Amino acid sequence: MRRSTVLYHYEIRRIRKIEEAISRDRIADALHNDRRRSFWIEVRKIRNTQSAVSSVIDVCNDADIIAHLFAREI
């Protein structure tokens, strides 16, 4: 049972490395073939690092009330 768990986790790590290699190859090919593409825009697309601003805090959804909540905490 312990050996099968070790093998399972090994395979997960191996597959993740393969997926990362495929992703790196795709971005390299895309940037090489189309010089107009920006490297950092492509990296942001892969990482999907768009931060969302919450519109509801402590059951309040009005911007002024949320600002007062944060001002009161200081």
N, C-alpha and C. Protein backbone atom coordinates (compact mmCIF):
# COMPACT_ATOMS: atom_id res chain seq x y z
N MET A 1 0.83 -1.19 0.00
CA MET A 1 0.00 0.00 0.00
C MET A 1 0.87 1.26 0.00
N ARG A 2 1.92 1.21 0.80
CA ARG A 2 2.82 2.37 0.86
C ARG A 2 3.53 2.57 -0.47
N ARG A 3 3.93 1.48 -1.08
CA ARG A 3 4.62 1.56 -2.38
C ARG A 3 3.68 2.13 -3.45
N SER A 4 2.44 1.71 -3.45
CA SER A 4 1.50 2.23 -4.45
C SER A 4 1.25 3.72 -4.24
N THR A 5 1.23 4.17 -3.00
CA THR A 5 1.07 5.60 -2.73
C THR A 5 2.27 6.39 -3.24
N VAL A 6 3.45 5.85 -3.02
CA VAL A 6 4.67 6.51 -3.50
C VAL A 6 4.67 6.57 -5.02
N LEU A 7 4.32 5.48 -5.67
CA LEU A 7 4.27 5.46 -7.13
C LEU A 7 3.23 6.43 -7.68
N TYR A 8 2.10 6.51 -7.01
CA TYR A 8 1.03 7.43 -7.43
C TYR A 8 1.53 8.88 -7.39
N HIS A 9 2.17 9.27 -6.28
CA HIS A 9 2.65 10.64 -6.17
C HIS A 9 3.80 10.92 -7.14
N TYR A 10 4.62 9.91 -7.39
CA TYR A 10 5.68 10.06 -8.37
C TYR A 10 5.10 10.34 -9.76
N GLU A 11 4.08 9.60 -10.13
CA GLU A 11 3.44 9.80 -11.43
C GLU A 11 2.79 11.17 -11.52
N ILE A 12 2.19 11.64 -10.45
CA ILE A 12 1.59 12.98 -10.46
C ILE A 12 2.66 14.03 -10.73
N ARG A 13 3.80 13.92 -10.04
CA ARG A 13 4.89 14.88 -10.26
C ARG A 13 5.41 14.80 -11.69
N ARG A 14 5.54 13.58 -12.20
CA ARG A 14 6.03 13.39 -13.57
C ARG A 14 5.08 14.00 -14.59
N ILE A 15 3.81 13.81 -14.42
CA ILE A 15 2.82 14.36 -15.34
C ILE A 15 2.79 15.88 -15.28
N ARG A 16 2.91 16.45 -14.09
CA ARG A 16 2.96 17.91 -13.98
C ARG A 16 4.17 18.49 -14.70
N LYS A 17 5.32 17.81 -14.57
CA LYS A 17 6.51 18.28 -15.27
C LYS A 17 6.32 18.22 -16.79
N ILE A 18 5.68 17.16 -17.26
CA ILE A 18 5.42 17.02 -18.70
C ILE A 18 4.47 18.13 -19.16
N GLU A 19 3.42 18.41 -18.38
CA GLU A 19 2.48 19.47 -18.75
C GLU A 19 3.18 20.82 -18.79
N GLU A 20 4.07 21.09 -17.82
CA GLU A 20 4.81 22.35 -17.82
C GLU A 20 5.72 22.46 -19.03
N ALA A 21 6.35 21.35 -19.40
CA ALA A 21 7.23 21.35 -20.57
C ALA A 21 6.43 21.62 -21.84
N ILE A 22 5.26 21.03 -21.95
CA ILE A 22 4.41 21.28 -23.11
C ILE A 22 4.01 22.75 -23.17
N SER A 23 3.66 23.31 -22.03
CA SER A 23 3.27 24.72 -21.98
C SER A 23 4.43 25.62 -22.37
N ARG A 24 5.63 25.32 -21.86
CA ARG A 24 6.81 26.12 -22.21
C ARG A 24 7.11 26.03 -23.70
N ASP A 25 6.98 24.84 -24.26
CA ASP A 25 7.23 24.67 -25.70
C ASP A 25 6.22 25.44 -26.54
N ARG A 26 4.97 25.41 -26.13
CA ARG A 26 3.94 26.13 -26.88
C ARG A 26 4.18 27.63 -26.86
N ILE A 27 4.51 28.17 -25.69
CA ILE A 27 4.73 29.62 -25.62
C ILE A 27 5.98 29.99 -26.42
N ALA A 28 7.01 29.16 -26.36
CA ALA A 28 8.23 29.46 -27.13
C ALA A 28 7.94 29.44 -28.63
N ASP A 29 7.19 28.45 -29.08
CA ASP A 29 6.84 28.38 -30.50
C ASP A 29 5.98 29.56 -30.92
N ALA A 30 5.03 29.92 -30.08
CA ALA A 30 4.14 31.03 -30.43
C ALA A 30 4.91 32.34 -30.52
N LEU A 31 5.82 32.57 -29.59
CA LEU A 31 6.59 33.81 -29.60
C LEU A 31 7.61 33.81 -30.75
N HIS A 32 8.14 32.66 -31.06
CA HIS A 32 9.12 32.58 -32.15
C HIS A 32 8.45 32.81 -33.51
N ASN A 33 7.28 32.26 -33.69
CA ASN A 33 6.59 32.35 -34.98
C ASN A 33 5.88 33.68 -35.19
N ASP A 34 5.50 34.36 -34.11
CA ASP A 34 4.79 35.63 -34.24
C ASP A 34 5.49 36.66 -33.36
N ARG A 35 6.35 37.46 -33.97
CA ARG A 35 7.18 38.42 -33.22
C ARG A 35 6.36 39.55 -32.59
N ARG A 36 5.12 39.72 -33.02
CA ARG A 36 4.30 40.81 -32.48
C ARG A 36 3.77 40.50 -31.09
N ARG A 37 3.81 39.24 -30.68
CA ARG A 37 3.28 38.86 -29.38
C ARG A 37 4.25 39.28 -28.28
N SER A 38 3.69 39.72 -27.17
CA SER A 38 4.49 40.15 -26.04
C SER A 38 4.71 38.98 -25.08
N PHE A 39 5.93 38.80 -24.64
CA PHE A 39 6.27 37.70 -23.73
C PHE A 39 5.48 37.79 -22.44
N TRP A 40 5.45 38.96 -21.81
CA TRP A 40 4.80 39.09 -20.50
C TRP A 40 3.29 38.96 -20.59
N ILE A 41 2.70 39.35 -21.70
CA ILE A 41 1.25 39.15 -21.87
C ILE A 41 0.95 37.66 -21.94
N GLU A 42 1.80 36.93 -22.64
CA GLU A 42 1.61 35.48 -22.74
C GLU A 42 1.78 34.81 -21.38
N VAL A 43 2.75 35.27 -20.60
CA VAL A 43 2.95 34.70 -19.26
C VAL A 43 1.74 34.97 -18.38
N ARG A 44 1.19 36.18 -18.47
CA ARG A 44 -0.01 36.50 -17.68
C ARG A 44 -1.19 35.62 -18.08
N LYS A 45 -1.30 35.33 -19.37
CA LYS A 45 -2.38 34.45 -19.84
C LYS A 45 -2.23 33.05 -19.25
N ILE A 46 -1.01 32.56 -19.20
CA ILE A 46 -0.77 31.22 -18.67
C ILE A 46 -1.03 31.18 -17.17
N ARG A 47 -0.52 32.15 -16.47
CA ARG A 47 -0.68 32.17 -15.01
C ARG A 47 -2.07 32.58 -14.58
N ASN A 48 -2.78 33.29 -15.44
CA ASN A 48 -4.13 33.75 -15.13
C ASN A 48 -4.14 34.54 -13.83
N THR A 49 -3.32 35.59 -13.78
CA THR A 49 -3.15 36.36 -12.56
C THR A 49 -3.98 37.64 -12.58
N GLN A 50 -5.23 37.48 -12.82
CA GLN A 50 -6.11 38.64 -12.74
C GLN A 50 -6.76 38.64 -11.37
N SER A 51 -6.48 39.69 -10.61
CA SER A 51 -7.06 39.75 -9.27
C SER A 51 -8.41 40.44 -9.33
N ALA A 52 -9.37 39.84 -8.69
CA ALA A 52 -10.71 40.38 -8.68
C ALA A 52 -10.93 41.17 -7.39
N VAL A 53 -11.61 42.27 -7.50
CA VAL A 53 -11.93 43.09 -6.34
C VAL A 53 -13.29 42.66 -5.83
N SER A 54 -13.34 42.37 -4.55
CA SER A 54 -14.59 41.93 -3.95
C SER A 54 -15.55 43.10 -3.82
N SER A 55 -16.81 42.84 -4.14
CA SER A 55 -17.81 43.90 -4.04
C SER A 55 -18.67 43.75 -2.79
N VAL A 56 -18.46 42.66 -2.04
CA VAL A 56 -19.23 42.43 -0.82
C VAL A 56 -18.26 42.11 0.32
N ILE A 57 -18.31 42.92 1.38
CA ILE A 57 -17.50 42.69 2.56
C ILE A 57 -18.39 42.87 3.78
N ASP A 58 -18.41 41.86 4.64
CA ASP A 58 -19.25 41.87 5.85
C ASP A 58 -20.69 42.20 5.51
N VAL A 59 -21.23 41.61 4.50
CA VAL A 59 -22.62 41.74 4.04
C VAL A 59 -22.92 43.15 3.54
N CYS A 60 -21.92 43.96 3.33
CA CYS A 60 -22.12 45.31 2.79
C CYS A 60 -21.66 45.32 1.34
N ASN A 61 -22.46 45.95 0.47
CA ASN A 61 -22.07 46.00 -0.93
C ASN A 61 -21.98 47.43 -1.46
N ASP A 62 -22.10 48.41 -0.60
CA ASP A 62 -21.96 49.80 -1.00
C ASP A 62 -20.51 50.23 -0.76
N ALA A 63 -19.90 50.89 -1.72
CA ALA A 63 -18.49 51.26 -1.62
C ALA A 63 -18.23 52.19 -0.44
N ASP A 64 -19.13 53.13 -0.17
CA ASP A 64 -18.94 54.05 0.95
C ASP A 64 -18.98 53.32 2.29
N ILE A 65 -19.90 52.40 2.44
CA ILE A 65 -20.01 51.66 3.69
C ILE A 65 -18.78 50.77 3.89
N ILE A 66 -18.30 50.16 2.81
CA ILE A 66 -17.10 49.33 2.91
C ILE A 66 -15.90 50.19 3.30
N ALA A 67 -15.79 51.39 2.74
CA ALA A 67 -14.70 52.29 3.10
C ALA A 67 -14.78 52.65 4.57
N HIS A 68 -15.96 52.90 5.08
CA HIS A 68 -16.12 53.22 6.51
C HIS A 68 -15.77 52.01 7.39
N LEU A 69 -16.08 50.81 6.93
CA LEU A 69 -15.70 49.62 7.68
C LEU A 69 -14.19 49.52 7.84
N PHE A 70 -13.47 49.76 6.74
CA PHE A 70 -12.01 49.70 6.80
C PHE A 70 -11.44 50.86 7.61
N ALA A 71 -12.04 52.03 7.51
CA ALA A 71 -11.56 53.19 8.27
C ALA A 71 -11.77 52.95 9.76
N ARG A 72 -12.85 52.28 10.13
CA ARG A 72 -13.14 52.01 11.53
C ARG A 72 -12.17 50.99 12.10
N GLU A 73 -11.66 50.08 11.29
CA GLU A 73 -10.73 49.06 11.75
C GLU A 73 -9.36 49.62 12.10
N ILE A 74 -8.99 50.75 11.55
CA ILE A 74 -7.64 51.32 11.77
C ILE A 74 -7.57 51.96 13.07
